[in-house]
């Protein structure tokens, strides 16, 4: 009789523990799902409020006095995705030909509207805006790369399968790369997806001929990415 009571107690205890564990698991799963949803909404807001690289290219650069200085031809980024400088093509004058200058991003005011940037200088021909560091300088060349190293590349999964084509990049208001935009071919269902930039190039390198995504299958990538509605972009 005593053995039966003990067995019954163990059985009831096991059921209670199972119920409690199941409830705890459900609570944890719901919490994770809520956090993921909040993160997704935050990421979507950051992307749609950001500036697309494709619209930044070609933007006219003006001085504080309203003088036209040139147009943006490329964007240089540090490894963490922060814009470090802009490559600006200066306009041609009667006496001087066109030229290229490298403008530190800290000298450029944030884009006020699509297609226009205001800078706090008036002469792009200054030596300080040269493309390269002087050979005598002790400071090493920074580990940076241009957006043309990413835009136009194929996007591949971890095993090397093709996923899509890098069609754009999105920067936040501080000039930090927020997302890599990838478009898919029609036979794969089409669509354009935004993926968070990991903060460092990591396993991917600008020297590669493709952009690597941290996913094994296309289904995993599509579920992780934000499918974009291009009409939702606010600033660009």
C-alpha atoms as a PDB file:
ATOM      1  CA  UNK A   1       0.000   0.000   0.000  1.00  0.00           C
ATOM      2  CA  UNK A   2       2.817   2.302   0.950  1.00  0.00           C
ATOM      3  CA  UNK A   3       4.585   1.527  -2.338  1.00  0.00           C
ATOM      4  CA  UNK A   4       1.442   2.468  -4.293  1.00  0.00           C
ATOM      5  CA  UNK A   5       1.171   5.796  -2.444  1.00  0.00           C
ATOM      6  CA  UNK A   6       4.822   6.556  -3.201  1.00  0.00           C
ATOM      7  CA  UNK A   7       4.374   5.642  -6.876  1.00  0.00           C
ATOM      8  CA  UNK A   8       1.248   7.804  -7.082  1.00  0.00           C
ATOM      9  CA  UNK A   9       3.109  10.741  -5.514  1.00  0.00           C
ATOM     10  CA  UNK A  10       5.960  10.374  -7.972  1.00  0.00           C
ATOM     11  CA  UNK A  11       3.525  10.201 -10.889  1.00  0.00           C
ATOM     12  CA  UNK A  12       1.611  13.284  -9.742  1.00  0.00           C
ATOM     13  CA  UNK A  13       4.880  15.134  -9.129  1.00  0.00           C
ATOM     14  CA  UNK A  14       6.093  14.256 -12.605  1.00  0.00           C
ATOM     15  CA  UNK A  15       2.899  15.569 -14.147  1.00  0.00           C
ATOM     16  CA  UNK A  16       3.101  18.768 -12.107  1.00  0.00           C
ATOM     17  CA  UNK A  17       6.729  19.295 -13.109  1.00  0.00           C
ATOM     18  CA  UNK A  18       5.832  18.668 -16.745  1.00  0.00           C
ATOM     19  CA  UNK A  19       2.992  21.174 -16.576  1.00  0.00           C
ATOM     20  CA  UNK A  20       5.184  23.752 -14.863  1.00  0.00           C
ATOM     21  CA  UNK A  21       8.006  23.198 -17.361  1.00  0.00           C
ATOM     22  CA  UNK A  22       5.563  23.466 -20.251  1.00  0.00           C
ATOM     23  CA  UNK A  23       4.150  26.705 -18.862  1.00  0.00           C
ATOM     24  CA  UNK A  24       7.637  28.122 -18.333  1.00  0.00           C
ATOM     25  CA  UNK A  25       8.651  27.123 -21.872  1.00  0.00           C
ATOM     26  CA  UNK A  26       5.508  28.720 -23.321  1.00  0.00           C
ATOM     27  CA  UNK A  27       6.148  31.902 -21.328  1.00  0.00           C
ATOM     28  CA  UNK A  28       9.777  32.014 -22.531  1.00  0.00           C
ATOM     29  CA  UNK A  29       8.758  31.359 -26.144  1.00  0.00           C
ATOM     30  CA  UNK A  30       6.136  34.125 -25.973  1.00  0.00           C
ATOM     31  CA  UNK A  31       8.709  36.522 -24.507  1.00  0.00           C
ATOM     32  CA  UNK A  32      11.243  35.700 -27.245  1.00  0.00           C
ATOM     33  CA  UNK A  33       8.571  36.108 -29.940  1.00  0.00           C
ATOM     34  CA  UNK A  34       7.582  39.498 -28.494  1.00  0.00           C
ATOM     35  CA  UNK A  35      11.215  40.650 -28.368  1.00  0.00           C
ATOM     36  CA  UNK A  36      11.822  39.469 -31.943  1.00  0.00           C
ATOM     37  CA  UNK A  37       8.682  41.281 -33.101  1.00  0.00           C
ATOM     38  CA  UNK A  38       9.820  44.482 -31.365  1.00  0.00           C
ATOM     39  CA  UNK A  39      13.283  44.148 -32.875  1.00  0.00           C
ATOM     40  CA  UNK A  40      11.757  43.586 -36.326  1.00  0.00           C
ATOM     41  CA  UNK A  41       9.583  46.681 -35.970  1.00  0.00           C
ATOM     42  CA  UNK A  42      12.559  48.716 -34.777  1.00  0.00           C
ATOM     43  CA  UNK A  43      14.676  47.492 -37.690  1.00  0.00           C
ATOM     44  CA  UNK A  44      11.889  48.257 -40.184  1.00  0.00           C
ATOM     45  CA  UNK A  45      11.519  51.797 -38.821  1.00  0.00           C
ATOM     46  CA  UNK A  46      15.281  52.357 -39.020  1.00  0.00           C
ATOM     47  CA  UNK A  47      15.417  51.105 -42.614  1.00  0.00           C
ATOM     48  CA  UNK A  48      12.463  53.117 -43.915  1.00  0.00           C
ATOM     49  CA  UNK A  49      13.692  56.275 -42.181  1.00  0.00           C
ATOM     50  CA  UNK A  50      17.225  55.819 -43.524  1.00  0.00           C
ATOM     51  CA  UNK A  51      19.087  57.016 -46.584  1.00  0.00           C
ATOM     52  CA  UNK A  52      19.675  54.724 -49.536  1.00  0.00           C
ATOM     53  CA  UNK A  53      23.155  54.674 -51.022  1.00  0.00           C
ATOM     54  CA  UNK A  54      21.708  54.690 -54.536  1.00  0.00           C
ATOM     55  CA  UNK A  55      20.134  58.083 -53.804  1.00  0.00           C
ATOM     56  CA  UNK A  56      23.233  59.398 -52.052  1.00  0.00           C
ATOM     57  CA  UNK A  57      25.298  58.740 -55.174  1.00  0.00           C
ATOM     58  CA  UNK A  58      25.021  61.645 -57.558  1.00  0.00           C
ATOM     59  CA  UNK A  59      23.841  64.038 -54.836  1.00  0.00           C
ATOM     60  CA  UNK A  60      24.896  67.633 -55.386  1.00  0.00           C
ATOM     61  CA  UNK A  61      27.249  69.115 -52.797  1.00  0.00           C
ATOM     62  CA  UNK A  62      26.819  72.772 -51.840  1.00  0.00           C
ATOM     63  CA  UNK A  63      28.773  75.080 -49.557  1.00  0.00           C
ATOM     64  CA  UNK A  64      27.125  76.879 -46.657  1.00  0.00           C
ATOM     65  CA  UNK A  65      26.863  79.893 -48.954  1.00  0.00           C
ATOM     66  CA  UNK A  66      24.898  77.881 -51.488  1.00  0.00           C
ATOM     67  CA  UNK A  67      27.749  77.473 -53.980  1.00  0.00           C
ATOM     68  CA  UNK A  68      27.688  74.275 -56.034  1.00  0.00           C
ATOM     69  CA  UNK A  69      30.877  72.296 -55.324  1.00  0.00           C
ATOM     70  CA  UNK A  70      30.375  69.002 -57.120  1.00  0.00           C
ATOM     71  CA  UNK A  71      28.595  65.638 -56.968  1.00  0.00           C
ATOM     72  CA  UNK A  72      29.046  62.479 -54.889  1.00  0.00           C
ATOM     73  CA  UNK A  73      30.580  59.664 -56.954  1.00  0.00           C
ATOM     74  CA  UNK A  74      31.326  57.100 -54.233  1.00  0.00           C
ATOM     75  CA  UNK A  75      31.055  56.567 -50.479  1.00  0.00           C
ATOM     76  CA  UNK A  76      33.885  55.253 -48.294  1.00  0.00           C
ATOM     77  CA  UNK A  77      33.089  53.193 -45.191  1.00  0.00           C
ATOM     78  CA  UNK A  78      35.042  51.823 -42.248  1.00  0.00           C
ATOM     79  CA  UNK A  79      34.855  48.122 -41.387  1.00  0.00           C
ATOM     80  CA  UNK A  80      31.990  48.754 -38.958  1.00  0.00           C
ATOM     81  CA  UNK A  81      29.879  50.365 -41.687  1.00  0.00           C
ATOM     82  CA  UNK A  82      30.372  53.979 -40.635  1.00  0.00           C
ATOM     83  CA  UNK A  83      30.795  56.421 -43.520  1.00  0.00           C
ATOM     84  CA  UNK A  84      34.267  57.948 -43.234  1.00  0.00           C
ATOM     85  CA  UNK A  85      34.333  60.081 -46.369  1.00  0.00           C
ATOM     86  CA  UNK A  86      32.695  60.905 -49.670  1.00  0.00           C
ATOM     87  CA  UNK A  87      34.406  60.924 -53.035  1.00  0.00           C
ATOM     88  CA  UNK A  88      33.187  64.093 -54.717  1.00  0.00           C
ATOM     89  CA  UNK A  89      33.736  65.048 -58.346  1.00  0.00           C
ATOM     90  CA  UNK A  90      34.362  68.775 -58.562  1.00  0.00           C
ATOM     91  CA  UNK A  91      32.848  70.768 -61.373  1.00  0.00           C
ATOM     92  CA  UNK A  92      34.893  71.980 -64.309  1.00  0.00           C
ATOM     93  CA  UNK A  93      35.617  75.683 -64.662  1.00  0.00           C
ATOM     94  CA  UNK A  94      36.874  77.746 -67.570  1.00  0.00           C
ATOM     95  CA  UNK A  95      40.430  77.605 -66.269  1.00  0.00           C
ATOM     96  CA  UNK A  96      40.543  74.217 -64.489  1.00  0.00           C
ATOM     97  CA  UNK A  97      39.396  70.677 -65.406  1.00  0.00           C
ATOM     98  CA  UNK A  98      37.127  68.457 -63.325  1.00  0.00           C
ATOM     99  CA  UNK A  99      38.737  66.602 -60.398  1.00  0.00           C
ATOM    100  CA  UNK A 100      38.027  64.166 -57.538  1.00  0.00           C
ATOM    101  CA  UNK A 101      38.308  64.994 -53.827  1.00  0.00           C
ATOM    102  CA  UNK A 102      37.945  62.858 -50.714  1.00  0.00           C
ATOM    103  CA  UNK A 103      35.792  64.699 -48.183  1.00  0.00           C
ATOM    104  CA  UNK A 104      35.772  63.574 -44.515  1.00  0.00           C
ATOM    105  CA  UNK A 105      32.208  62.782 -43.537  1.00  0.00           C
ATOM    106  CA  UNK A 106      32.546  64.884 -40.396  1.00  0.00           C
ATOM    107  CA  UNK A 107      32.917  67.927 -42.669  1.00  0.00           C
ATOM    108  CA  UNK A 108      29.614  67.192 -44.374  1.00  0.00           C
ATOM    109  CA  UNK A 109      26.217  68.093 -42.962  1.00  0.00           C
ATOM    110  CA  UNK A 110      23.644  65.327 -43.118  1.00  0.00           C
ATOM    111  CA  UNK A 111      21.462  65.216 -46.241  1.00  0.00           C
ATOM    112  CA  UNK A 112      18.610  67.640 -45.755  1.00  0.00           C
ATOM    113  CA  UNK A 113      16.575  66.260 -48.618  1.00  0.00           C
ATOM    114  CA  UNK A 114      16.992  63.895 -51.539  1.00  0.00           C
ATOM    115  CA  UNK A 115      19.757  64.849 -53.925  1.00  0.00           C
ATOM    116  CA  UNK A 116      21.374  67.647 -51.908  1.00  0.00           C
ATOM    117  CA  UNK A 117      24.148  67.810 -49.298  1.00  0.00           C
ATOM    118  CA  UNK A 118      25.531  70.871 -47.565  1.00  0.00           C
ATOM    119  CA  UNK A 119      29.228  70.992 -46.576  1.00  0.00           C
ATOM    120  CA  UNK A 120      31.072  73.344 -44.241  1.00  0.00           C
ATOM    121  CA  UNK A 121      33.833  74.265 -46.698  1.00  0.00           C
ATOM    122  CA  UNK A 122      34.014  76.143 -49.962  1.00  0.00           C
ATOM    123  CA  UNK A 123      37.096  74.828 -51.803  1.00  0.00           C
ATOM    124  CA  UNK A 124      37.373  71.173 -52.849  1.00  0.00           C
ATOM    125  CA  UNK A 125      40.800  71.793 -54.362  1.00  0.00           C
ATOM    126  CA  UNK A 126      42.440  72.047 -50.944  1.00  0.00           C
ATOM    127  CA  UNK A 127      45.304  69.623 -50.236  1.00  0.00           C
ATOM    128  CA  UNK A 128      43.474  68.302 -47.184  1.00  0.00           C
ATOM    129  CA  UNK A 129      40.875  66.750 -49.488  1.00  0.00           C
ATOM    130  CA  UNK A 130      43.362  64.632 -51.439  1.00  0.00           C
ATOM    131  CA  UNK A 131      42.537  61.021 -52.284  1.00  0.00           C
ATOM    132  CA  UNK A 132      45.651  59.556 -50.656  1.00  0.00           C
ATOM    133  CA  UNK A 133      47.697  60.126 -47.521  1.00  0.00           C
ATOM    134  CA  UNK A 134      51.095  61.712 -47.949  1.00  0.00           C
ATOM    135  CA  UNK A 135      53.877  59.073 -48.041  1.00  0.00           C
ATOM    136  CA  UNK A 136      55.664  60.788 -45.155  1.00  0.00           C
ATOM    137  CA  UNK A 137      52.716  60.494 -42.773  1.00  0.00           C
ATOM    138  CA  UNK A 138      53.093  57.912 -40.005  1.00  0.00           C
ATOM    139  CA  UNK A 139      49.380  57.220 -39.826  1.00  0.00           C
ATOM    140  CA  UNK A 140      48.570  53.985 -41.713  1.00  0.00           C
ATOM    141  CA  UNK A 141      45.884  53.734 -44.354  1.00  0.00           C
ATOM    142  CA  UNK A 142      42.542  52.942 -42.689  1.00  0.00           C
ATOM    143  CA  UNK A 143      40.851  49.604 -43.343  1.00  0.00           C
ATOM    144  CA  UNK A 144      37.985  51.005 -45.350  1.00  0.00           C
ATOM    145  CA  UNK A 145      36.151  50.220 -48.567  1.00  0.00           C
ATOM    146  CA  UNK A 146      33.735  51.884 -50.959  1.00  0.00           C
ATOM    147  CA  UNK A 147      30.074  51.042 -51.425  1.00  0.00           C
ATOM    148  CA  UNK A 148      30.862  50.060 -55.005  1.00  0.00           C
ATOM    149  CA  UNK A 149      32.564  47.004 -53.454  1.00  0.00           C
ATOM    150  CA  UNK A 150      29.157  45.757 -52.298  1.00  0.00           C
ATOM    151  CA  UNK A 151      26.441  47.166 -54.532  1.00  0.00           C
ATOM    152  CA  UNK A 152      26.220  45.039 -57.633  1.00  0.00           C
ATOM    153  CA  UNK A 153      27.600  41.883 -55.999  1.00  0.00           C
ATOM    154  CA  UNK A 154      25.792  38.570 -55.873  1.00  0.00           C
ATOM    155  CA  UNK A 155      24.552  37.585 -52.418  1.00  0.00           C
ATOM    156  CA  UNK A 156      25.356  34.016 -51.411  1.00  0.00           C
ATOM    157  CA  UNK A 157      24.405  31.722 -48.540  1.00  0.00           C
ATOM    158  CA  UNK A 158      26.860  29.922 -46.239  1.00  0.00           C
ATOM    159  CA  UNK A 159      27.222  26.895 -48.524  1.00  0.00           C
ATOM    160  CA  UNK A 160      27.801  29.108 -51.562  1.00  0.00           C
ATOM    161  CA  UNK A 161      24.332  28.960 -53.141  1.00  0.00           C
ATOM    162  CA  UNK A 162      23.150  32.129 -54.812  1.00  0.00           C
ATOM    163  CA  UNK A 163      20.421  34.049 -52.997  1.00  0.00           C
ATOM    164  CA  UNK A 164      20.110  37.345 -54.856  1.00  0.00           C
ATOM    165  CA  UNK A 165      21.781  40.559 -55.913  1.00  0.00           C
ATOM    166  CA  UNK A 166      22.903  43.458 -53.704  1.00  0.00           C
ATOM    167  CA  UNK A 167      20.851  46.306 -55.126  1.00  0.00           C
ATOM    168  CA  UNK A 168      21.335  48.960 -52.422  1.00  0.00           C
ATOM    169  CA  UNK A 169      22.506  49.893 -48.924  1.00  0.00           C
ATOM    170  CA  UNK A 170      20.682  51.867 -46.246  1.00  0.00           C
ATOM    171  CA  UNK A 171      22.396  54.255 -43.802  1.00  0.00           C
ATOM    172  CA  UNK A 172      20.922  55.720 -40.648  1.00  0.00           C
ATOM    173  CA  UNK A 173      20.927  59.445 -39.877  1.00  0.00           C
ATOM    174  CA  UNK A 174      24.430  59.229 -38.416  1.00  0.00           C
ATOM    175  CA  UNK A 175      25.937  57.729 -41.540  1.00  0.00           C
ATOM    176  CA  UNK A 176      26.140  54.178 -40.160  1.00  0.00           C
ATOM    177  CA  UNK A 177      25.316  51.265 -42.452  1.00  0.00           C
ATOM    178  CA  UNK A 178      22.033  49.872 -41.149  1.00  0.00           C
ATOM    179  CA  UNK A 179      21.079  47.356 -43.815  1.00  0.00           C
ATOM    180  CA  UNK A 180      22.171  45.576 -46.957  1.00  0.00           C
ATOM    181  CA  UNK A 181      19.366  45.422 -49.528  1.00  0.00           C
ATOM    182  CA  UNK A 182      19.140  42.293 -51.671  1.00  0.00           C
ATOM    183  CA  UNK A 183      16.793  41.690 -54.605  1.00  0.00           C
ATOM    184  CA  UNK A 184      15.802  38.183 -55.680  1.00  0.00           C
ATOM    185  CA  UNK A 185      15.201  36.778 -59.157  1.00  0.00           C
ATOM    186  CA  UNK A 186      11.674  36.065 -60.414  1.00  0.00           C
ATOM    187  CA  UNK A 187      12.173  32.286 -60.506  1.00  0.00           C
ATOM    188  CA  UNK A 188      12.937  32.364 -56.756  1.00  0.00           C
ATOM    189  CA  UNK A 189       9.798  34.330 -55.970  1.00  0.00           C
ATOM    190  CA  UNK A 190      11.204  37.820 -56.432  1.00  0.00           C
ATOM    191  CA  UNK A 191      11.049  40.460 -53.741  1.00  0.00           C
ATOM    192  CA  UNK A 192      13.571  42.825 -52.169  1.00  0.00           C
ATOM    193  CA  UNK A 193      14.850  42.134 -48.650  1.00  0.00           C
ATOM    194  CA  UNK A 194      16.829  44.149 -46.108  1.00  0.00           C
ATOM    195  CA  UNK A 195      19.314  42.419 -43.802  1.00  0.00           C
ATOM    196  CA  UNK A 196      21.014  44.076 -40.818  1.00  0.00           C
ATOM    197  CA  UNK A 197      24.692  44.799 -41.363  1.00  0.00           C
ATOM    198  CA  UNK A 198      26.517  42.739 -38.686  1.00  0.00           C
ATOM    199  CA  UNK A 199      28.602  45.680 -37.489  1.00  0.00           C
ATOM    200  CA  UNK A 200      31.884  44.278 -38.767  1.00  0.00           C
ATOM    201  CA  UNK A 201      32.657  42.668 -42.106  1.00  0.00           C
ATOM    202  CA  UNK A 202      33.391  39.437 -40.214  1.00  0.00           C
ATOM    203  CA  UNK A 203      33.529  36.394 -42.497  1.00  0.00           C
ATOM    204  CA  UNK A 204      32.682  38.559 -45.493  1.00  0.00           C
ATOM    205  CA  UNK A 205      35.406  40.668 -47.079  1.00  0.00           C
ATOM    206  CA  UNK A 206      35.155  43.553 -49.579  1.00  0.00           C
ATOM    207  CA  UNK A 207      37.811  41.685 -51.568  1.00  0.00           C
ATOM    208  CA  UNK A 208      35.357  38.891 -52.348  1.00  0.00           C
ATOM    209  CA  UNK A 209      33.267  38.956 -55.496  1.00  0.00           C
ATOM    210  CA  UNK A 210      30.043  38.332 -53.536  1.00  0.00           C
ATOM    211  CA  UNK A 211      28.281  39.371 -50.329  1.00  0.00           C
ATOM    212  CA  UNK A 212      27.961  36.502 -47.837  1.00  0.00           C
ATOM    213  CA  UNK A 213      24.789  36.029 -45.781  1.00  0.00           C
ATOM    214  CA  UNK A 214      24.940  34.140 -42.445  1.00  0.00           C
ATOM    215  CA  UNK A 215      22.203  31.660 -43.386  1.00  0.00           C
ATOM    216  CA  UNK A 216      22.268  28.084 -44.629  1.00  0.00           C
ATOM    217  CA  UNK A 217      19.067  27.980 -46.695  1.00  0.00           C
ATOM    218  CA  UNK A 218      17.170  30.518 -48.780  1.00  0.00           C
ATOM    219  CA  UNK A 219      14.080  29.930 -46.647  1.00  0.00           C
ATOM    220  CA  UNK A 220      16.001  30.836 -43.484  1.00  0.00           C
ATOM    221  CA  UNK A 221      17.305  34.005 -45.127  1.00  0.00           C
ATOM    222  CA  UNK A 222      13.890  35.116 -46.373  1.00  0.00           C
ATOM    223  CA  UNK A 223      12.328  34.587 -42.943  1.00  0.00           C
ATOM    224  CA  UNK A 224      15.132  36.537 -41.257  1.00  0.00           C
ATOM    225  CA  UNK A 225      15.120  39.413 -43.746  1.00  0.00           C
ATOM    226  CA  UNK A 226      12.686  42.311 -43.937  1.00  0.00           C
ATOM    227  CA  UNK A 227      10.712  42.208 -47.178  1.00  0.00           C
ATOM    228  CA  UNK A 228      10.646  45.791 -48.378  1.00  0.00           C
ATOM    229  CA  UNK A 229       7.893  47.935 -49.764  1.00  0.00           C
ATOM    230  CA  UNK A 230       9.890  50.597 -51.610  1.00  0.00           C
ATOM    231  CA  UNK A 231       7.001  53.050 -51.334  1.00  0.00           C
ATOM    232  CA  UNK A 232       7.496  53.135 -47.562  1.00  0.00           C
ATOM    233  CA  UNK A 233      10.860  54.926 -47.668  1.00  0.00           C
ATOM    234  CA  UNK A 234      10.495  58.332 -46.031  1.00  0.00           C
ATOM    235  CA  UNK A 235      13.722  60.220 -46.760  1.00  0.00           C
ATOM    236  CA  UNK A 236      14.972  58.611 -49.931  1.00  0.00           C
END
